[in-house]
Amino acid sequence: MPSAAGRCTWCGQSESHGAVIVPYGTQPGTHAWLHTECWSAWQKFRRSKAEEALARMGIGIHGRVQA
């Protein structure tokens, strides 16, 4: 989920002296820019959305099929 540099994709705030925004991702042009403090909440949200999508396809987490 790429985002524009200079603003945290999770909280929407700009970088400041005490809150640096860094890129997360491995491929150029596909980074999500986040404050280091926001990464955990963002990652948890993204993971839950992925698990929901897998469950809708009948794919369970760790091999369990979701009903």
N, C-alpha and C. Protein backbone atom coordinates (compact mmCIF):
# COMPACT_ATOMS: atom_id res chain seq x y z
N MET A 1 0.85 -1.16 0.00
CA MET A 1 0.00 0.00 0.00
C MET A 1 0.89 1.23 0.00
N PRO A 2 1.34 1.69 -1.16
CA PRO A 2 2.25 2.84 -1.22
C PRO A 2 1.57 4.13 -0.77
N SER A 3 2.39 5.04 -0.28
CA SER A 3 1.89 6.36 0.12
C SER A 3 2.94 7.41 -0.25
N ALA A 4 2.53 8.65 -0.21
CA ALA A 4 3.43 9.75 -0.54
C ALA A 4 4.42 10.00 0.59
N ALA A 5 5.64 10.33 0.23
CA ALA A 5 6.67 10.65 1.23
C ALA A 5 6.31 11.95 1.94
N GLY A 6 6.78 12.07 3.18
CA GLY A 6 6.60 13.31 3.92
C GLY A 6 5.41 13.37 4.84
N ARG A 7 4.52 12.39 4.75
CA ARG A 7 3.35 12.37 5.62
C ARG A 7 3.08 10.92 6.01
N CYS A 8 2.80 10.69 7.28
CA CYS A 8 2.54 9.34 7.78
C CYS A 8 1.21 8.83 7.22
N THR A 9 1.26 7.66 6.60
CA THR A 9 0.05 7.09 6.03
C THR A 9 -0.94 6.63 7.11
N TRP A 10 -0.48 6.41 8.32
CA TRP A 10 -1.37 5.95 9.40
C TRP A 10 -2.05 7.13 10.10
N CYS A 11 -1.28 8.09 10.59
CA CYS A 11 -1.88 9.18 11.38
C CYS A 11 -2.10 10.46 10.56
N GLY A 12 -1.47 10.55 9.40
CA GLY A 12 -1.67 11.71 8.54
C GLY A 12 -0.82 12.92 8.88
N GLN A 13 -0.01 12.81 9.93
CA GLN A 13 0.81 13.95 10.36
C GLN A 13 2.13 13.99 9.59
N SER A 14 2.68 15.19 9.52
CA SER A 14 3.98 15.39 8.87
C SER A 14 5.11 14.96 9.79
N GLU A 15 6.27 14.89 9.22
CA GLU A 15 7.46 14.62 10.01
C GLU A 15 7.77 15.84 10.88
N SER A 16 8.28 15.58 12.06
CA SER A 16 8.70 16.66 12.96
C SER A 16 10.01 16.25 13.61
N HIS A 17 10.57 17.15 14.39
CA HIS A 17 11.85 16.87 15.03
C HIS A 17 11.82 15.58 15.86
N GLY A 18 10.74 15.36 16.56
CA GLY A 18 10.65 14.18 17.41
C GLY A 18 9.94 12.99 16.79
N ALA A 19 9.46 13.15 15.57
CA ALA A 19 8.70 12.07 14.92
C ALA A 19 9.11 11.96 13.45
N VAL A 20 10.11 11.16 13.21
CA VAL A 20 10.65 10.97 11.87
C VAL A 20 9.76 10.01 11.09
N ILE A 21 9.59 10.28 9.80
CA ILE A 21 8.83 9.39 8.93
C ILE A 21 9.82 8.61 8.09
N VAL A 22 9.64 7.29 8.06
CA VAL A 22 10.56 6.41 7.33
C VAL A 22 9.77 5.53 6.36
N PRO A 23 10.42 5.07 5.28
CA PRO A 23 9.73 4.21 4.32
C PRO A 23 9.75 2.75 4.78
N TYR A 24 8.62 2.07 4.59
CA TYR A 24 8.53 0.63 4.84
C TYR A 24 8.20 -0.02 3.51
N GLY A 25 8.94 -1.03 3.17
CA GLY A 25 8.77 -1.74 1.91
C GLY A 25 10.12 -2.00 1.28
N THR A 26 10.13 -2.84 0.26
CA THR A 26 11.41 -3.23 -0.33
C THR A 26 11.61 -2.74 -1.76
N GLN A 27 10.56 -2.49 -2.48
CA GLN A 27 10.67 -2.08 -3.87
C GLN A 27 10.51 -0.57 -4.01
N PRO A 28 11.39 0.08 -4.77
CA PRO A 28 11.25 1.53 -5.00
C PRO A 28 9.86 1.85 -5.55
N GLY A 29 9.28 2.93 -5.06
CA GLY A 29 7.97 3.36 -5.51
C GLY A 29 6.81 2.64 -4.85
N THR A 30 7.08 1.70 -3.95
CA THR A 30 5.99 0.97 -3.29
C THR A 30 6.04 1.13 -1.77
N HIS A 31 6.79 2.11 -1.30
CA HIS A 31 6.93 2.29 0.14
C HIS A 31 5.68 2.88 0.77
N ALA A 32 5.42 2.46 1.98
CA ALA A 32 4.44 3.11 2.85
C ALA A 32 5.27 3.95 3.81
N TRP A 33 4.97 5.23 3.92
CA TRP A 33 5.73 6.14 4.77
C TRP A 33 5.01 6.30 6.09
N LEU A 34 5.74 5.99 7.18
CA LEU A 34 5.14 5.98 8.51
C LEU A 34 6.10 6.51 9.56
N HIS A 35 5.53 7.08 10.63
CA HIS A 35 6.33 7.34 11.82
C HIS A 35 6.69 5.98 12.40
N THR A 36 7.85 5.87 12.99
CA THR A 36 8.21 4.58 13.59
C THR A 36 7.20 4.19 14.68
N GLU A 37 6.64 5.18 15.36
CA GLU A 37 5.66 4.91 16.42
C GLU A 37 4.32 4.42 15.86
N CYS A 38 4.05 4.70 14.60
CA CYS A 38 2.76 4.32 14.00
C CYS A 38 2.82 2.96 13.31
N TRP A 39 4.02 2.44 13.06
CA TRP A 39 4.15 1.22 12.30
C TRP A 39 3.37 0.05 12.90
N SER A 40 3.46 -0.16 14.20
CA SER A 40 2.83 -1.31 14.84
C SER A 40 1.31 -1.32 14.62
N ALA A 41 0.66 -0.19 14.84
CA ALA A 41 -0.79 -0.11 14.65
C ALA A 41 -1.16 -0.31 13.19
N TRP A 42 -0.39 0.29 12.28
CA TRP A 42 -0.62 0.16 10.84
C TRP A 42 -0.48 -1.30 10.42
N GLN A 43 0.59 -1.95 10.88
CA GLN A 43 0.84 -3.34 10.51
C GLN A 43 -0.25 -4.25 11.05
N LYS A 44 -0.70 -4.03 12.27
CA LYS A 44 -1.76 -4.83 12.86
C LYS A 44 -3.06 -4.69 12.05
N PHE A 45 -3.38 -3.47 11.66
CA PHE A 45 -4.57 -3.21 10.85
C PHE A 45 -4.47 -3.91 9.50
N ARG A 46 -3.33 -3.77 8.83
CA ARG A 46 -3.12 -4.40 7.52
C ARG A 46 -3.22 -5.92 7.62
N ARG A 47 -2.65 -6.48 8.68
CA ARG A 47 -2.70 -7.93 8.87
C ARG A 47 -4.14 -8.40 9.07
N SER A 48 -4.92 -7.67 9.86
CA SER A 48 -6.31 -8.07 10.09
C SER A 48 -7.11 -8.00 8.79
N LYS A 49 -6.85 -7.01 7.95
CA LYS A 49 -7.53 -6.91 6.66
C LYS A 49 -7.14 -8.07 5.75
N ALA A 50 -5.88 -8.46 5.77
CA ALA A 50 -5.43 -9.60 4.97
C ALA A 50 -6.08 -10.89 5.46
N GLU A 51 -6.16 -11.07 6.76
CA GLU A 51 -6.79 -12.27 7.32
C GLU A 51 -8.27 -12.32 6.96
N GLU A 52 -8.95 -11.16 6.97
CA GLU A 52 -10.36 -11.11 6.57
C GLU A 52 -10.52 -11.51 5.11
N ALA A 53 -9.65 -11.00 4.26
CA ALA A 53 -9.72 -11.33 2.83
C ALA A 53 -9.48 -12.82 2.60
N LEU A 54 -8.52 -13.39 3.29
CA LEU A 54 -8.26 -14.82 3.17
C LEU A 54 -9.45 -15.64 3.65
N ALA A 55 -10.05 -15.22 4.75
CA ALA A 55 -11.21 -15.94 5.29
C ALA A 55 -12.37 -15.91 4.30
N ARG A 56 -12.56 -14.77 3.62
CA ARG A 56 -13.63 -14.69 2.61
C ARG A 56 -13.38 -15.65 1.45
N MET A 57 -12.12 -15.99 1.20
CA MET A 57 -11.77 -16.93 0.14
C MET A 57 -11.75 -18.37 0.66
N GLY A 58 -12.04 -18.56 1.95
CA GLY A 58 -12.04 -19.90 2.53
C GLY A 58 -10.66 -20.39 2.92
N ILE A 59 -9.72 -19.48 3.03
CA ILE A 59 -8.35 -19.84 3.40
C ILE A 59 -8.15 -19.47 4.86
N GLY A 60 -7.80 -20.45 5.67
CA GLY A 60 -7.62 -20.21 7.10
C GLY A 60 -6.22 -19.76 7.44
N ILE A 61 -6.06 -19.24 8.62
CA ILE A 61 -4.78 -18.82 9.13
C ILE A 61 -4.06 -20.05 9.67
N HIS A 62 -2.80 -20.23 9.32
CA HIS A 62 -1.98 -21.37 9.75
C HIS A 62 -2.66 -22.70 9.41
N GLY A 63 -3.27 -22.75 8.23
CA GLY A 63 -3.84 -24.00 7.77
C GLY A 63 -5.25 -24.28 8.24
N ARG A 64 -5.81 -23.43 9.11
CA ARG A 64 -7.18 -23.65 9.58
C ARG A 64 -8.13 -22.99 8.60
N VAL A 65 -9.18 -23.69 8.21
CA VAL A 65 -10.19 -23.12 7.32
C VAL A 65 -11.18 -22.35 8.15
N GLN A 66 -11.43 -21.11 7.74
CA GLN A 66 -12.39 -20.27 8.44
C GLN A 66 -13.79 -20.56 7.88
N ALA A 67 -14.78 -20.70 8.75
CA ALA A 67 -16.14 -20.98 8.31
C ALA A 67 -16.88 -19.70 8.02
